[in-house]
Amino acid sequence: MKYEHQKAQPIRSIKDRKAIARYLYHKNLRDYALFEFGIRVGRRVSDLVSLNIGDVARLDRKGRIVIKERLAIREKKTQKFADILINPRARRVLGLYISKRKDTTESAEALLEEPLFKSRSVSRNGERRLTPYSVLRILKQAADECELNFNVATHSLRKTFGYELHRRGVDITLIQKLMNHASPEITLAYIGITRNEMDNAIRNL
């Protein structure tokens, strides 16, 4: 795989993000939903693939599936609790994806128990659930097809989340808190804020 030795980068360009989203939408709705959801909730891929549909959806009083407004999880790596808003765009994409999944399941109640990002193959523990390595392959292929010349890997989803918040002027301490980092410096390094970007910020004062 290209750039495997390099550090994963955020997808800085909106044009590049749209290109990947468009490619994945036409290739596989599951992968499209994973990408759109991943860059908007900022969780690690190990947490994303551990989700069940019931973590992001519920049944209303009439038994219809409704996408939740928030994602509440305990992070596998840190064991910290995270309660994240699922923004409107991510909710629409999840709604589209889960509505297609509903057509293949006997009941809505059973659907809520299924993995959110289901794999065609069975893992060693008997689950049909995407693995982080599967996600890596999906992202690498998408980046290659879209001819991106930087390293896109699993951490790129989370890094893109943080980078886009920073680009929009969100205070770095708030981004740090959203990402459960120990310091703003760690967050800045993680989301790939370059010396050139910092120099330009000073230059444009």
N, C-alpha and C. Protein backbone atom coordinates (compact mmCIF):
# COMPACT_ATOMS: atom_id res chain seq x y z
N MET A 1 0.84 -1.20 0.00
CA MET A 1 0.00 0.00 0.00
C MET A 1 0.87 1.26 0.00
N LYS A 2 0.48 2.27 -0.72
CA LYS A 2 1.25 3.50 -0.80
C LYS A 2 1.32 4.21 0.55
N TYR A 3 2.46 4.85 0.81
CA TYR A 3 2.64 5.74 1.96
C TYR A 3 2.45 5.03 3.30
N GLU A 4 2.54 3.70 3.32
CA GLU A 4 2.27 2.97 4.54
C GLU A 4 3.23 3.34 5.66
N HIS A 5 4.46 3.75 5.29
CA HIS A 5 5.48 4.09 6.27
C HIS A 5 5.28 5.49 6.83
N GLN A 6 4.44 6.30 6.20
CA GLN A 6 4.26 7.66 6.63
C GLN A 6 3.15 7.77 7.68
N LYS A 7 3.20 8.87 8.41
CA LYS A 7 2.19 9.13 9.42
C LYS A 7 0.86 9.46 8.75
N ALA A 8 -0.22 8.92 9.28
CA ALA A 8 -1.55 9.22 8.73
C ALA A 8 -1.82 10.71 8.80
N GLN A 9 -2.41 11.23 7.74
CA GLN A 9 -2.69 12.66 7.64
C GLN A 9 -4.19 12.92 7.68
N PRO A 10 -4.57 14.09 8.20
CA PRO A 10 -5.98 14.48 8.04
C PRO A 10 -6.26 14.78 6.57
N ILE A 11 -7.50 14.68 6.18
CA ILE A 11 -7.88 15.03 4.81
C ILE A 11 -8.25 16.51 4.85
N ARG A 12 -7.28 17.34 4.56
CA ARG A 12 -7.42 18.78 4.78
C ARG A 12 -8.36 19.45 3.78
N SER A 13 -8.33 18.99 2.55
CA SER A 13 -9.10 19.63 1.49
C SER A 13 -10.54 19.12 1.45
N ILE A 14 -11.48 20.05 1.42
CA ILE A 14 -12.89 19.69 1.29
C ILE A 14 -13.12 18.97 -0.04
N LYS A 15 -12.40 19.40 -1.07
CA LYS A 15 -12.50 18.76 -2.38
C LYS A 15 -12.10 17.29 -2.29
N ASP A 16 -11.03 16.99 -1.56
CA ASP A 16 -10.58 15.60 -1.40
C ASP A 16 -11.60 14.78 -0.61
N ARG A 17 -12.18 15.38 0.41
CA ARG A 17 -13.18 14.68 1.22
C ARG A 17 -14.40 14.34 0.36
N LYS A 18 -14.82 15.30 -0.45
CA LYS A 18 -15.97 15.06 -1.32
C LYS A 18 -15.66 13.97 -2.34
N ALA A 19 -14.42 13.96 -2.83
CA ALA A 19 -14.04 12.94 -3.82
C ALA A 19 -14.10 11.55 -3.21
N ILE A 20 -13.58 11.40 -1.99
CA ILE A 20 -13.63 10.11 -1.32
C ILE A 20 -15.07 9.71 -1.02
N ALA A 21 -15.86 10.66 -0.52
CA ALA A 21 -17.26 10.37 -0.20
C ALA A 21 -18.02 9.93 -1.45
N ARG A 22 -17.78 10.60 -2.55
CA ARG A 22 -18.47 10.27 -3.80
C ARG A 22 -18.07 8.88 -4.29
N TYR A 23 -16.78 8.59 -4.21
CA TYR A 23 -16.29 7.27 -4.62
C TYR A 23 -16.91 6.17 -3.76
N LEU A 24 -16.91 6.36 -2.44
CA LEU A 24 -17.44 5.34 -1.54
C LEU A 24 -18.95 5.18 -1.68
N TYR A 25 -19.65 6.28 -1.92
CA TYR A 25 -21.10 6.22 -2.07
C TYR A 25 -21.49 5.30 -3.23
N HIS A 26 -20.76 5.41 -4.32
CA HIS A 26 -21.07 4.58 -5.48
C HIS A 26 -20.53 3.16 -5.35
N LYS A 27 -19.54 2.97 -4.49
CA LYS A 27 -18.93 1.66 -4.32
C LYS A 27 -19.67 0.81 -3.29
N ASN A 28 -19.93 1.41 -2.11
CA ASN A 28 -20.51 0.64 -1.02
C ASN A 28 -21.11 1.60 0.01
N LEU A 29 -22.42 1.52 0.24
CA LEU A 29 -23.09 2.45 1.14
C LEU A 29 -22.57 2.33 2.57
N ARG A 30 -22.22 1.12 2.97
CA ARG A 30 -21.64 0.93 4.32
C ARG A 30 -20.36 1.74 4.48
N ASP A 31 -19.47 1.66 3.48
CA ASP A 31 -18.18 2.35 3.57
C ASP A 31 -18.37 3.86 3.52
N TYR A 32 -19.33 4.31 2.73
CA TYR A 32 -19.68 5.73 2.67
C TYR A 32 -20.16 6.22 4.03
N ALA A 33 -21.05 5.45 4.67
CA ALA A 33 -21.56 5.83 5.98
C ALA A 33 -20.45 5.85 7.02
N LEU A 34 -19.56 4.89 6.96
CA LEU A 34 -18.43 4.84 7.89
C LEU A 34 -17.56 6.08 7.74
N PHE A 35 -17.26 6.46 6.51
CA PHE A 35 -16.42 7.63 6.27
C PHE A 35 -17.09 8.91 6.76
N GLU A 36 -18.33 9.14 6.35
CA GLU A 36 -19.04 10.37 6.72
C GLU A 36 -19.25 10.47 8.23
N PHE A 37 -19.58 9.34 8.85
CA PHE A 37 -19.77 9.31 10.29
C PHE A 37 -18.43 9.52 11.00
N GLY A 38 -17.38 8.85 10.51
CA GLY A 38 -16.08 8.91 11.16
C GLY A 38 -15.47 10.29 11.19
N ILE A 39 -15.60 11.07 10.12
CA ILE A 39 -15.00 12.40 10.11
C ILE A 39 -15.85 13.43 10.85
N ARG A 40 -17.02 13.01 11.33
CA ARG A 40 -17.90 13.94 12.04
C ARG A 40 -18.10 13.63 13.52
N VAL A 41 -17.61 12.50 13.99
CA VAL A 41 -17.71 12.21 15.44
C VAL A 41 -16.35 12.12 16.11
N GLY A 42 -15.29 11.97 15.33
CA GLY A 42 -13.95 12.03 15.89
C GLY A 42 -13.56 10.91 16.82
N ARG A 43 -14.16 9.74 16.65
CA ARG A 43 -13.79 8.59 17.49
C ARG A 43 -12.77 7.73 16.75
N ARG A 44 -12.01 6.96 17.51
CA ARG A 44 -11.05 6.04 16.92
C ARG A 44 -11.79 4.93 16.16
N VAL A 45 -11.13 4.41 15.14
CA VAL A 45 -11.77 3.37 14.33
C VAL A 45 -12.08 2.14 15.17
N SER A 46 -11.24 1.83 16.15
CA SER A 46 -11.52 0.68 17.02
C SER A 46 -12.84 0.85 17.75
N ASP A 47 -13.21 2.09 18.07
CA ASP A 47 -14.50 2.36 18.70
C ASP A 47 -15.64 2.33 17.68
N LEU A 48 -15.39 2.85 16.49
CA LEU A 48 -16.43 2.87 15.46
C LEU A 48 -16.88 1.47 15.08
N VAL A 49 -15.90 0.56 14.89
CA VAL A 49 -16.27 -0.79 14.43
C VAL A 49 -16.87 -1.62 15.56
N SER A 50 -16.75 -1.16 16.79
CA SER A 50 -17.34 -1.90 17.92
C SER A 50 -18.81 -1.54 18.14
N LEU A 51 -19.30 -0.52 17.43
CA LEU A 51 -20.68 -0.05 17.64
C LEU A 51 -21.69 -1.01 17.04
N ASN A 52 -22.82 -1.12 17.71
CA ASN A 52 -24.00 -1.76 17.15
C ASN A 52 -24.97 -0.69 16.67
N ILE A 53 -25.92 -1.08 15.85
CA ILE A 53 -26.89 -0.11 15.35
C ILE A 53 -27.64 0.55 16.51
N GLY A 54 -27.88 -0.20 17.56
CA GLY A 54 -28.57 0.35 18.73
C GLY A 54 -27.81 1.45 19.44
N ASP A 55 -26.51 1.59 19.17
CA ASP A 55 -25.73 2.68 19.77
C ASP A 55 -26.02 4.02 19.09
N VAL A 56 -26.52 3.97 17.85
CA VAL A 56 -26.78 5.22 17.13
C VAL A 56 -28.24 5.38 16.73
N ALA A 57 -29.06 4.36 17.01
CA ALA A 57 -30.47 4.41 16.62
C ALA A 57 -31.35 3.81 17.72
N ARG A 58 -32.62 4.17 17.69
CA ARG A 58 -33.59 3.66 18.66
C ARG A 58 -34.93 3.48 17.95
N LEU A 59 -35.87 2.85 18.64
CA LEU A 59 -37.22 2.72 18.11
C LEU A 59 -38.11 3.79 18.72
N ASP A 60 -38.93 4.44 17.90
CA ASP A 60 -39.89 5.38 18.45
C ASP A 60 -41.14 4.63 18.91
N ARG A 61 -42.15 5.33 19.33
CA ARG A 61 -43.35 4.70 19.89
C ARG A 61 -44.10 3.85 18.88
N LYS A 62 -43.90 4.14 17.61
CA LYS A 62 -44.57 3.37 16.57
C LYS A 62 -43.69 2.25 16.03
N GLY A 63 -42.53 2.04 16.69
CA GLY A 63 -41.65 0.97 16.26
C GLY A 63 -40.77 1.30 15.08
N ARG A 64 -40.70 2.57 14.75
CA ARG A 64 -39.85 2.99 13.63
C ARG A 64 -38.45 3.31 14.14
N ILE A 65 -37.46 3.07 13.30
CA ILE A 65 -36.08 3.35 13.67
C ILE A 65 -35.77 4.84 13.49
N VAL A 66 -35.23 5.43 14.55
CA VAL A 66 -34.89 6.85 14.55
C VAL A 66 -33.40 6.98 14.95
N ILE A 67 -32.67 7.82 14.23
CA ILE A 67 -31.26 8.03 14.57
C ILE A 67 -31.17 8.91 15.81
N LYS A 68 -30.35 8.50 16.75
CA LYS A 68 -30.16 9.27 17.97
C LYS A 68 -29.44 10.58 17.69
N GLU A 69 -29.60 11.52 18.61
CA GLU A 69 -28.92 12.80 18.47
C GLU A 69 -27.51 12.76 19.04
N ARG A 70 -27.22 11.79 19.92
CA ARG A 70 -25.91 11.74 20.56
C ARG A 70 -25.37 10.31 20.55
N LEU A 71 -24.05 10.22 20.55
CA LEU A 71 -23.35 8.95 20.66
C LEU A 71 -22.67 8.91 22.02
N ALA A 72 -23.02 7.95 22.83
CA ALA A 72 -22.42 7.81 24.17
C ALA A 72 -21.66 6.49 24.23
N ILE A 73 -20.34 6.57 24.36
CA ILE A 73 -19.53 5.35 24.39
C ILE A 73 -18.39 5.50 25.41
N ARG A 74 -17.83 4.37 25.81
CA ARG A 74 -16.59 4.37 26.58
C ARG A 74 -15.47 3.95 25.64
N GLU A 75 -14.46 4.80 25.51
CA GLU A 75 -13.39 4.55 24.57
C GLU A 75 -12.58 3.32 24.96
N LYS A 76 -12.31 2.48 23.98
CA LYS A 76 -11.55 1.26 24.26
C LYS A 76 -10.14 1.56 24.73
N LYS A 77 -9.47 2.51 24.09
CA LYS A 77 -8.07 2.78 24.39
C LYS A 77 -7.87 3.43 25.75
N THR A 78 -8.69 4.43 26.05
CA THR A 78 -8.48 5.22 27.27
C THR A 78 -9.44 4.87 28.41
N GLN A 79 -10.51 4.16 28.08
CA GLN A 79 -11.59 3.88 29.03
C GLN A 79 -12.31 5.15 29.50
N LYS A 80 -12.08 6.25 28.79
CA LYS A 80 -12.79 7.49 29.10
C LYS A 80 -14.16 7.46 28.46
N PHE A 81 -15.12 8.11 29.12
CA PHE A 81 -16.48 8.18 28.58
C PHE A 81 -16.57 9.36 27.61
N ALA A 82 -17.24 9.14 26.50
CA ALA A 82 -17.44 10.21 25.51
C ALA A 82 -18.92 10.31 25.18
N ASP A 83 -19.43 11.52 25.17
CA ASP A 83 -20.82 11.80 24.82
C ASP A 83 -20.79 12.85 23.74
N ILE A 84 -20.98 12.42 22.48
CA ILE A 84 -20.75 13.27 21.32
C ILE A 84 -22.04 13.50 20.54
N LEU A 85 -22.28 14.74 20.16
CA LEU A 85 -23.41 15.05 19.28
C LEU A 85 -23.18 14.41 17.91
N ILE A 86 -24.21 13.77 17.39
CA ILE A 86 -24.16 13.27 16.01
C ILE A 86 -24.75 14.38 15.14
N ASN A 87 -23.92 15.04 14.35
CA ASN A 87 -24.40 16.22 13.64
C ASN A 87 -25.40 15.85 12.55
N PRO A 88 -26.17 16.83 12.06
CA PRO A 88 -27.26 16.52 11.12
C PRO A 88 -26.83 15.76 9.89
N ARG A 89 -25.68 16.11 9.32
CA ARG A 89 -25.21 15.41 8.12
C ARG A 89 -24.95 13.93 8.42
N ALA A 90 -24.28 13.66 9.54
CA ALA A 90 -24.00 12.27 9.92
C ALA A 90 -25.29 11.51 10.19
N ARG A 91 -26.27 12.17 10.79
CA ARG A 91 -27.54 11.50 11.08
C ARG A 91 -28.27 11.14 9.79
N ARG A 92 -28.23 12.04 8.81
CA ARG A 92 -28.90 11.75 7.53
C ARG A 92 -28.24 10.55 6.83
N VAL A 93 -26.91 10.53 6.84
CA VAL A 93 -26.19 9.43 6.19
C VAL A 93 -26.47 8.11 6.90
N LEU A 94 -26.44 8.13 8.23
CA LEU A 94 -26.75 6.91 8.98
C LEU A 94 -28.18 6.46 8.72
N GLY A 95 -29.09 7.42 8.64
CA GLY A 95 -30.48 7.08 8.37
C GLY A 95 -30.65 6.38 7.04
N LEU A 96 -29.97 6.89 6.02
CA LEU A 96 -30.02 6.28 4.69
C LEU A 96 -29.45 4.86 4.73
N TYR A 97 -28.30 4.73 5.35
CA TYR A 97 -27.62 3.44 5.42
C TYR A 97 -28.43 2.41 6.21
N ILE A 98 -28.93 2.80 7.37
CA ILE A 98 -29.66 1.86 8.22
C ILE A 98 -31.01 1.49 7.61
N SER A 99 -31.61 2.42 6.88
CA SER A 99 -32.89 2.09 6.23
C SER A 99 -32.69 0.98 5.19
N LYS A 100 -31.54 0.97 4.53
CA LYS A 100 -31.23 -0.11 3.58
C LYS A 100 -30.98 -1.42 4.32
N ARG A 101 -30.35 -1.34 5.46
CA ARG A 101 -30.10 -2.53 6.26
C ARG A 101 -31.40 -3.14 6.77
N LYS A 102 -32.37 -2.29 7.05
CA LYS A 102 -33.65 -2.76 7.59
C LYS A 102 -34.33 -3.73 6.64
N ASP A 103 -34.14 -3.54 5.35
CA ASP A 103 -34.79 -4.38 4.34
C ASP A 103 -34.31 -5.83 4.39
N THR A 104 -33.15 -6.06 5.05
CA THR A 104 -32.57 -7.41 5.07
C THR A 104 -32.70 -8.08 6.44
N THR A 105 -33.42 -7.46 7.37
CA THR A 105 -33.53 -7.98 8.74
C THR A 105 -34.99 -8.24 9.08
N GLU A 106 -35.22 -9.30 9.84
CA GLU A 106 -36.59 -9.72 10.16
C GLU A 106 -37.37 -8.69 10.95
N SER A 107 -36.74 -8.06 11.93
CA SER A 107 -37.45 -7.10 12.78
C SER A 107 -36.54 -5.94 13.14
N ALA A 108 -37.17 -4.82 13.49
CA ALA A 108 -36.41 -3.64 13.89
C ALA A 108 -35.64 -3.90 15.17
N GLU A 109 -36.24 -4.66 16.09
CA GLU A 109 -35.56 -4.98 17.35
C GLU A 109 -34.28 -5.77 17.09
N ALA A 110 -34.34 -6.72 16.18
CA ALA A 110 -33.16 -7.51 15.86
C ALA A 110 -32.10 -6.66 15.18
N LEU A 111 -32.53 -5.71 14.37
CA LEU A 111 -31.59 -4.84 13.66
C LEU A 111 -30.74 -4.04 14.64
N LEU A 112 -31.34 -3.58 15.73
CA LEU A 112 -30.61 -2.78 16.70
C LEU A 112 -29.45 -3.55 17.34
N GLU A 113 -29.54 -4.86 17.34
CA GLU A 113 -28.50 -5.70 17.95
C GLU A 113 -27.36 -6.01 16.98
N GLU A 114 -27.52 -5.67 15.72
CA GLU A 114 -26.50 -6.00 14.74
C GLU A 114 -25.34 -5.00 14.75
N PRO A 115 -24.14 -5.42 14.32
CA PRO A 115 -23.03 -4.46 14.18
C PRO A 115 -23.42 -3.32 13.25
N LEU A 116 -23.01 -2.12 13.60
CA LEU A 116 -23.32 -0.97 12.75
C LEU A 116 -22.63 -1.12 11.40
N PHE A 117 -21.35 -1.48 11.42
CA PHE A 117 -20.61 -1.66 10.18
C PHE A 117 -20.32 -3.14 10.01
N LYS A 118 -21.23 -3.80 9.33
CA LYS A 118 -21.24 -5.25 9.23
C LYS A 118 -20.32 -5.73 8.11
N SER A 119 -19.61 -6.81 8.38
CA SER A 119 -18.72 -7.41 7.39
C SER A 119 -19.41 -8.59 6.71
N ARG A 120 -18.97 -8.90 5.51
CA ARG A 120 -19.50 -10.07 4.82
C ARG A 120 -18.90 -11.35 5.38
N SER A 121 -17.72 -11.24 5.96
CA SER A 121 -17.04 -12.43 6.50
C SER A 121 -17.18 -12.49 8.02
N VAL A 122 -17.01 -13.69 8.55
CA VAL A 122 -17.14 -13.91 10.00
C VAL A 122 -15.75 -13.84 10.63
N SER A 123 -15.64 -13.08 11.72
CA SER A 123 -14.36 -12.95 12.41
C SER A 123 -14.10 -14.16 13.30
N ARG A 124 -12.95 -14.17 13.95
CA ARG A 124 -12.56 -15.29 14.82
C ARG A 124 -13.52 -15.49 15.99
N ASN A 125 -14.11 -14.39 16.46
CA ASN A 125 -15.06 -14.52 17.58
C ASN A 125 -16.50 -14.74 17.12
N GLY A 126 -16.65 -15.01 15.82
CA GLY A 126 -17.97 -15.36 15.30
C GLY A 126 -18.84 -14.20 14.90
N GLU A 127 -18.29 -12.98 14.94
CA GLU A 127 -19.08 -11.80 14.59
C GLU A 127 -18.86 -11.41 13.13
N ARG A 128 -19.90 -10.82 12.55
CA ARG A 128 -19.77 -10.22 11.22
C ARG A 128 -19.61 -8.71 11.43
N ARG A 129 -18.39 -8.29 11.67
CA ARG A 129 -18.11 -6.90 12.02
C ARG A 129 -16.81 -6.47 11.33
N LEU A 130 -16.82 -5.28 10.73
CA LEU A 130 -15.58 -4.78 10.14
C LEU A 130 -14.49 -4.69 11.20
N THR A 131 -13.26 -4.93 10.80
CA THR A 131 -12.10 -4.76 11.68
C THR A 131 -11.38 -3.48 11.31
N PRO A 132 -10.54 -2.95 12.20
CA PRO A 132 -9.74 -1.77 11.83
C PRO A 132 -8.91 -2.00 10.58
N TYR A 133 -8.39 -3.22 10.41
CA TYR A 133 -7.60 -3.49 9.21
C TYR A 133 -8.46 -3.42 7.95
N SER A 134 -9.71 -3.90 8.05
CA SER A 134 -10.63 -3.79 6.92
C SER A 134 -10.88 -2.34 6.56
N VAL A 135 -11.03 -1.50 7.57
CA VAL A 135 -11.25 -0.07 7.34
C VAL A 135 -10.02 0.55 6.68
N LEU A 136 -8.84 0.14 7.13
CA LEU A 136 -7.61 0.63 6.53
C LEU A 136 -7.58 0.33 5.03
N ARG A 137 -7.93 -0.88 4.66
CA ARG A 137 -7.93 -1.25 3.24
C ARG A 137 -8.94 -0.42 2.45
N ILE A 138 -10.11 -0.20 3.04
CA ILE A 138 -11.15 0.60 2.38
C ILE A 138 -10.65 2.01 2.11
N LEU A 139 -10.02 2.62 3.12
CA LEU A 139 -9.55 3.99 2.98
C LEU A 139 -8.38 4.10 2.03
N LYS A 140 -7.47 3.12 2.09
CA LYS A 140 -6.33 3.13 1.18
C LYS A 140 -6.78 3.03 -0.28
N GLN A 141 -7.74 2.15 -0.53
CA GLN A 141 -8.23 2.00 -1.89
C GLN A 141 -8.91 3.27 -2.37
N ALA A 142 -9.71 3.88 -1.49
CA ALA A 142 -10.39 5.12 -1.86
C ALA A 142 -9.39 6.22 -2.17
N ALA A 143 -8.35 6.33 -1.33
CA ALA A 143 -7.33 7.36 -1.55
C ALA A 143 -6.59 7.13 -2.86
N ASP A 144 -6.29 5.88 -3.15
CA ASP A 144 -5.61 5.56 -4.42
C ASP A 144 -6.50 5.89 -5.62
N GLU A 145 -7.78 5.52 -5.53
CA GLU A 145 -8.70 5.78 -6.63
C GLU A 145 -8.90 7.28 -6.85
N CYS A 146 -8.83 8.05 -5.77
CA CYS A 146 -9.00 9.50 -5.88
C CYS A 146 -7.67 10.22 -6.10
N GLU A 147 -6.59 9.43 -6.24
CA GLU A 147 -5.26 9.94 -6.54
C GLU A 147 -4.78 10.97 -5.52
N LEU A 148 -4.97 10.68 -4.24
CA LEU A 148 -4.46 11.55 -3.19
C LEU A 148 -2.99 11.22 -2.95
N ASN A 149 -2.15 12.23 -2.83
CA ASN A 149 -0.71 12.01 -2.72
C ASN A 149 -0.18 12.15 -1.30
N PHE A 150 -1.02 11.79 -0.33
CA PHE A 150 -0.59 11.77 1.07
C PHE A 150 -1.20 10.54 1.73
N ASN A 151 -0.73 10.24 2.93
CA ASN A 151 -1.12 8.99 3.57
C ASN A 151 -2.50 9.10 4.24
N VAL A 152 -3.44 8.36 3.71
CA VAL A 152 -4.78 8.26 4.31
C VAL A 152 -4.87 6.89 4.97
N ALA A 153 -5.14 6.88 6.27
CA ALA A 153 -5.23 5.63 7.03
C ALA A 153 -6.35 5.77 8.04
N THR A 154 -6.47 4.82 8.95
CA THR A 154 -7.62 4.82 9.86
C THR A 154 -7.66 6.08 10.73
N HIS A 155 -6.51 6.54 11.19
CA HIS A 155 -6.49 7.74 12.04
C HIS A 155 -6.87 9.00 11.26
N SER A 156 -6.88 8.91 9.94
CA SER A 156 -7.23 10.09 9.14
C SER A 156 -8.65 10.56 9.41
N LEU A 157 -9.55 9.63 9.73
CA LEU A 157 -10.93 10.02 10.02
C LEU A 157 -10.98 10.93 11.25
N ARG A 158 -10.36 10.48 12.31
CA ARG A 158 -10.35 11.24 13.57
C ARG A 158 -9.56 12.55 13.42
N LYS A 159 -8.44 12.47 12.71
CA LYS A 159 -7.63 13.67 12.51
C LYS A 159 -8.37 14.71 11.66
N THR A 160 -9.14 14.24 10.69
CA THR A 160 -9.92 15.16 9.86
C THR A 160 -10.97 15.89 10.69
N PHE A 161 -11.59 15.18 11.61
CA PHE A 161 -12.56 15.77 12.54
C PHE A 161 -11.91 16.94 13.29
N GLY A 162 -10.76 16.70 13.91
CA GLY A 162 -10.09 17.73 14.67
C GLY A 162 -9.58 18.87 13.79
N TYR A 163 -9.03 18.51 12.64
CA TYR A 163 -8.48 19.53 11.74
C TYR A 163 -9.59 20.47 11.25
N GLU A 164 -10.73 19.91 10.89
CA GLU A 164 -11.81 20.75 10.37
C GLU A 164 -12.37 21.67 11.44
N LEU A 165 -12.46 21.20 12.68
CA LEU A 165 -12.89 22.08 13.76
C LEU A 165 -11.91 23.23 13.93
N HIS A 166 -10.61 22.91 13.89
CA HIS A 166 -9.58 23.94 14.02
C HIS A 166 -9.65 24.93 12.86
N ARG A 167 -9.84 24.43 11.64
CA ARG A 167 -9.93 25.29 10.47
C ARG A 167 -11.10 26.26 10.58
N ARG A 168 -12.17 25.82 11.23
CA ARG A 168 -13.36 26.66 11.38
C ARG A 168 -13.26 27.61 12.57
N GLY A 169 -12.11 27.62 13.25
CA GLY A 169 -11.89 28.59 14.32
C GLY A 169 -12.30 28.13 15.70
N VAL A 170 -12.59 26.83 15.87
CA VAL A 170 -12.95 26.32 17.21
C VAL A 170 -11.71 26.36 18.09
N ASP A 171 -11.87 26.82 19.31
CA ASP A 171 -10.75 26.93 20.25
C ASP A 171 -10.08 25.57 20.46
N ILE A 172 -8.76 25.56 20.46
CA ILE A 172 -8.02 24.31 20.52
C ILE A 172 -8.27 23.55 21.83
N THR A 173 -8.55 24.28 22.92
CA THR A 173 -8.82 23.58 24.18
C THR A 173 -10.16 22.84 24.13
N LEU A 174 -11.11 23.37 23.36
CA LEU A 174 -12.38 22.66 23.18
C LEU A 174 -12.18 21.42 22.31
N ILE A 175 -11.38 21.56 21.25
CA ILE A 175 -11.08 20.39 20.41
C ILE A 175 -10.36 19.33 21.23
N GLN A 176 -9.42 19.77 22.07
CA GLN A 176 -8.71 18.85 22.95
C GLN A 176 -9.69 18.06 23.82
N LYS A 177 -10.66 18.75 24.37
CA LYS A 177 -11.64 18.09 25.24
C LYS A 177 -12.50 17.11 24.44
N LEU A 178 -12.92 17.52 23.24
CA LEU A 178 -13.74 16.65 22.40
C LEU A 178 -13.00 15.36 22.02
N MET A 179 -11.68 15.47 21.89
CA MET A 179 -10.88 14.33 21.46
C MET A 179 -10.27 13.57 22.64
N ASN A 180 -10.55 14.03 23.85
CA ASN A 180 -10.03 13.39 25.06
C ASN A 180 -8.51 13.32 25.07
N HIS A 181 -7.85 14.42 24.65
CA HIS A 181 -6.40 14.51 24.71
C HIS A 181 -5.96 15.16 26.03
N ALA A 182 -4.70 14.92 26.40
CA ALA A 182 -4.19 15.43 27.67
C ALA A 182 -3.84 16.91 27.62
N SER A 183 -3.53 17.44 26.42
CA SER A 183 -3.11 18.84 26.31
C SER A 183 -3.41 19.38 24.92
N PRO A 184 -3.52 20.71 24.79
CA PRO A 184 -3.71 21.32 23.47
C PRO A 184 -2.55 21.01 22.52
N GLU A 185 -1.32 20.93 23.07
CA GLU A 185 -0.15 20.65 22.24
C GLU A 185 -0.27 19.28 21.56
N ILE A 186 -0.78 18.29 22.31
CA ILE A 186 -0.97 16.97 21.74
C ILE A 186 -1.99 17.03 20.62
N THR A 187 -3.05 17.79 20.84
CA THR A 187 -4.10 17.91 19.81
C THR A 187 -3.57 18.57 18.55
N LEU A 188 -2.81 19.66 18.70
CA LEU A 188 -2.26 20.35 17.54
C LEU A 188 -1.35 19.42 16.73
N ALA A 189 -0.51 18.67 17.43
CA ALA A 189 0.39 17.74 16.74
C ALA A 189 -0.42 16.62 16.08
N TYR A 190 -1.43 16.15 16.77
CA TYR A 190 -2.22 15.02 16.26
C TYR A 190 -2.95 15.38 14.98
N ILE A 191 -3.54 16.57 14.94
CA ILE A 191 -4.34 16.93 13.77
C ILE A 191 -3.49 17.50 12.64
N GLY A 192 -2.17 17.55 12.85
CA GLY A 192 -1.27 17.87 11.76
C GLY A 192 -1.21 19.33 11.39
N ILE A 193 -1.29 20.21 12.40
CA ILE A 193 -1.10 21.63 12.12
C ILE A 193 0.37 21.87 11.82
N THR A 194 0.67 22.31 10.62
CA THR A 194 2.05 22.41 10.17
C THR A 194 2.66 23.77 10.53
N ARG A 195 3.99 23.81 10.51
CA ARG A 195 4.69 25.08 10.78
C ARG A 195 4.28 26.13 9.74
N ASN A 196 4.07 25.72 8.52
CA ASN A 196 3.67 26.66 7.47
C ASN A 196 2.32 27.30 7.80
N GLU A 197 1.39 26.50 8.32
CA GLU A 197 0.08 27.03 8.69
C GLU A 197 0.20 28.02 9.85
N MET A 198 1.06 27.69 10.82
CA MET A 198 1.27 28.60 11.95
C MET A 198 1.94 29.89 11.48
N ASP A 199 2.92 29.78 10.57
CA ASP A 199 3.58 30.97 10.04
C ASP A 199 2.59 31.86 9.29
N ASN A 200 1.71 31.24 8.50
CA ASN A 200 0.72 32.00 7.75
C ASN A 200 -0.25 32.73 8.67
N ALA A 201 -0.59 32.09 9.80
CA ALA A 201 -1.50 32.73 10.75
C ALA A 201 -0.88 34.01 11.30
N ILE A 202 0.43 33.96 11.60
CA ILE A 202 1.14 35.14 12.11
C ILE A 202 1.29 36.18 11.00
N ARG A 203 1.63 35.70 9.79
CA ARG A 203 1.85 36.59 8.66
C ARG A 203 0.60 37.39 8.32
N ASN A 204 -0.57 36.79 8.53
CA ASN A 204 -1.82 37.43 8.15
C ASN A 204 -2.46 38.25 9.26
N LEU A 205 -1.76 38.42 10.38
CA LEU A 205 -2.31 39.23 11.47
C LEU A 205 -2.50 40.68 11.01
